Amino acid sequence: MNDKPKPETRKAAPQERGERLKSALKANLARRKAQMRARAATEDGHAGSGQGEKRED
């Protein structure tokens, strides 16, 4: 009963880890870009929304 992993699986593990990290980084960047776009859109929408304007009663 030899429970040690074979050398082929040891070499594949770092490559699989690299692929997982690469996809996680790509997803994280996409999420952050979407957040930045959403924040920029809300800032543009609020830029002239009554700040500094006089209210008429």
N, C-alpha and C. Protein backbone atom coordinates (compact mmCIF):
# COMPACT_ATOMS: atom_id res chain seq x y z
N MET A 1 0.84 -1.19 0.00
CA MET A 1 0.00 0.00 0.00
C MET A 1 0.88 1.25 0.00
N ASN A 2 1.08 1.76 -1.15
CA ASN A 2 1.90 2.94 -1.30
C ASN A 2 1.00 4.14 -1.52
N ASP A 3 0.90 5.03 -0.53
CA ASP A 3 0.01 6.19 -0.60
C ASP A 3 0.69 7.43 -1.15
N LYS A 4 1.96 7.34 -1.50
CA LYS A 4 2.66 8.50 -2.01
C LYS A 4 2.19 8.82 -3.43
N PRO A 5 2.02 10.10 -3.75
CA PRO A 5 1.62 10.44 -5.11
C PRO A 5 2.73 10.13 -6.11
N LYS A 6 2.34 9.80 -7.31
CA LYS A 6 3.31 9.50 -8.35
C LYS A 6 3.98 10.79 -8.81
N PRO A 7 5.19 10.71 -9.32
CA PRO A 7 5.90 11.91 -9.77
C PRO A 7 5.13 12.71 -10.82
N GLU A 8 4.35 12.05 -11.67
CA GLU A 8 3.58 12.76 -12.70
C GLU A 8 2.56 13.70 -12.06
N THR A 9 1.92 13.28 -10.98
CA THR A 9 0.92 14.12 -10.33
C THR A 9 1.58 15.27 -9.58
N ARG A 10 2.77 15.07 -9.09
CA ARG A 10 3.48 16.15 -8.40
C ARG A 10 3.81 17.27 -9.37
N LYS A 11 4.21 16.93 -10.57
CA LYS A 11 4.55 17.94 -11.56
C LYS A 11 3.30 18.64 -12.07
N ALA A 12 2.20 17.94 -12.14
CA ALA A 12 0.96 18.53 -12.64
C ALA A 12 0.33 19.46 -11.61
N ALA A 13 0.55 19.19 -10.34
CA ALA A 13 -0.09 19.99 -9.29
C ALA A 13 0.30 21.46 -9.36
N PRO A 14 1.57 21.82 -9.49
CA PRO A 14 1.90 23.26 -9.60
C PRO A 14 1.29 23.90 -10.85
N GLN A 15 1.21 23.14 -11.92
CA GLN A 15 0.61 23.68 -13.15
C GLN A 15 -0.89 23.92 -12.93
N GLU A 16 -1.56 22.98 -12.27
CA GLU A 16 -2.98 23.15 -11.97
C GLU A 16 -3.19 24.34 -11.04
N ARG A 17 -2.31 24.48 -10.06
CA ARG A 17 -2.40 25.60 -9.13
C ARG A 17 -2.24 26.92 -9.88
N GLY A 18 -1.28 26.94 -10.79
CA GLY A 18 -1.06 28.14 -11.59
C GLY A 18 -2.28 28.50 -12.42
N GLU A 19 -2.91 27.49 -12.99
CA GLU A 19 -4.12 27.72 -13.78
C GLU A 19 -5.26 28.25 -12.90
N ARG A 20 -5.39 27.68 -11.69
CA ARG A 20 -6.42 28.16 -10.76
C ARG A 20 -6.16 29.60 -10.37
N LEU A 21 -4.90 29.92 -10.06
CA LEU A 21 -4.56 31.29 -9.68
C LEU A 21 -4.78 32.26 -10.83
N LYS A 22 -4.44 31.83 -12.02
CA LYS A 22 -4.62 32.67 -13.20
C LYS A 22 -6.10 32.99 -13.42
N SER A 23 -6.95 31.99 -13.32
CA SER A 23 -8.38 32.22 -13.52
C SER A 23 -8.97 33.05 -12.38
N ALA A 24 -8.50 32.84 -11.16
CA ALA A 24 -8.99 33.63 -10.03
C ALA A 24 -8.57 35.09 -10.18
N LEU A 25 -7.34 35.33 -10.63
CA LEU A 25 -6.87 36.69 -10.84
C LEU A 25 -7.68 37.38 -11.94
N LYS A 26 -7.96 36.65 -13.00
CA LYS A 26 -8.73 37.21 -14.10
C LYS A 26 -10.14 37.58 -13.64
N ALA A 27 -10.76 36.70 -12.85
CA ALA A 27 -12.10 36.99 -12.34
C ALA A 27 -12.08 38.18 -11.38
N ASN A 28 -11.04 38.26 -10.55
CA ASN A 28 -10.92 39.37 -9.61
C ASN A 28 -10.75 40.69 -10.35
N LEU A 29 -9.91 40.71 -11.38
CA LEU A 29 -9.73 41.93 -12.16
C LEU A 29 -11.02 42.36 -12.85
N ALA A 30 -11.74 41.39 -13.39
CA ALA A 30 -13.02 41.71 -14.05
C ALA A 30 -14.00 42.29 -13.05
N ARG A 31 -14.06 41.72 -11.85
CA ARG A 31 -14.96 42.22 -10.81
C ARG A 31 -14.58 43.63 -10.38
N ARG A 32 -13.28 43.88 -10.21
CA ARG A 32 -12.84 45.21 -9.80
C ARG A 32 -13.09 46.25 -10.89
N LYS A 33 -12.90 45.88 -12.15
CA LYS A 33 -13.19 46.80 -13.24
C LYS A 33 -14.67 47.14 -13.27
N ALA A 34 -15.52 46.14 -13.06
CA ALA A 34 -16.96 46.38 -13.04
C ALA A 34 -17.33 47.31 -11.89
N GLN A 35 -16.71 47.12 -10.73
CA GLN A 35 -16.97 48.00 -9.59
C GLN A 35 -16.54 49.43 -9.90
N MET A 36 -15.38 49.60 -10.53
CA MET A 36 -14.89 50.93 -10.85
C MET A 36 -15.82 51.61 -11.86
N ARG A 37 -16.29 50.85 -12.85
CA ARG A 37 -17.21 51.42 -13.83
C ARG A 37 -18.52 51.84 -13.17
N ALA A 38 -19.02 51.00 -12.26
CA ALA A 38 -20.27 51.33 -11.57
C ALA A 38 -20.10 52.57 -10.70
N ARG A 39 -18.99 52.66 -10.01
CA ARG A 39 -18.74 53.84 -9.17
C ARG A 39 -18.59 55.09 -10.02
N ALA A 40 -17.91 54.97 -11.14
CA ALA A 40 -17.74 56.13 -12.02
C ALA A 40 -19.09 56.57 -12.58
N ALA A 41 -19.95 55.62 -12.90
CA ALA A 41 -21.26 55.95 -13.44
C ALA A 41 -22.12 56.66 -12.38
N THR A 42 -22.04 56.21 -11.13
CA THR A 42 -22.84 56.84 -10.08
C THR A 42 -22.28 58.22 -9.75
N GLU A 43 -20.97 58.38 -9.81
CA GLU A 43 -20.38 59.70 -9.55
C GLU A 43 -20.77 60.67 -10.65
N ASP A 44 -20.78 60.22 -11.89
CA ASP A 44 -21.19 61.08 -13.00
C ASP A 44 -22.66 61.46 -12.87
N GLY A 45 -23.47 60.56 -12.43
CA GLY A 45 -24.90 60.82 -12.27
C GLY A 45 -25.19 61.78 -11.13
N HIS A 46 -24.35 61.78 -10.10
CA HIS A 46 -24.57 62.63 -8.94
C HIS A 46 -23.82 63.96 -9.03
N ALA A 47 -23.02 64.14 -10.04
CA ALA A 47 -22.18 65.35 -10.12
C ALA A 47 -23.02 66.61 -10.19
N GLY A 48 -24.14 66.62 -10.92
CA GLY A 48 -24.96 67.81 -11.02
C GLY A 48 -26.33 67.62 -10.41
N SER A 49 -26.41 66.88 -9.33
CA SER A 49 -27.71 66.53 -8.77
C SER A 49 -28.10 67.43 -7.60
N GLY A 50 -27.94 68.73 -7.78
CA GLY A 50 -28.45 69.63 -6.77
C GLY A 50 -27.44 70.13 -5.78
N GLN A 51 -26.25 69.71 -5.85
CA GLN A 51 -25.26 70.20 -4.91
C GLN A 51 -24.83 71.59 -5.34
N GLY A 52 -24.96 72.54 -4.45
CA GLY A 52 -24.56 73.90 -4.75
C GLY A 52 -25.64 74.72 -5.43
N GLU A 53 -26.76 74.12 -5.72
CA GLU A 53 -27.85 74.86 -6.35
C GLU A 53 -28.80 75.38 -5.29
N LYS A 54 -29.41 76.52 -5.56
CA LYS A 54 -30.36 77.09 -4.61
C LYS A 54 -31.73 76.46 -4.81
N ARG A 55 -32.39 76.18 -3.70
CA ARG A 55 -33.75 75.64 -3.75
C ARG A 55 -34.76 76.77 -3.72
N GLU A 56 -35.75 76.64 -4.55
CA GLU A 56 -36.84 77.62 -4.51
C GLU A 56 -38.00 77.01 -3.74
N ASP A 57 -38.48 77.72 -2.73
CA ASP A 57 -39.60 77.22 -1.92
C ASP A 57 -40.92 77.66 -2.47
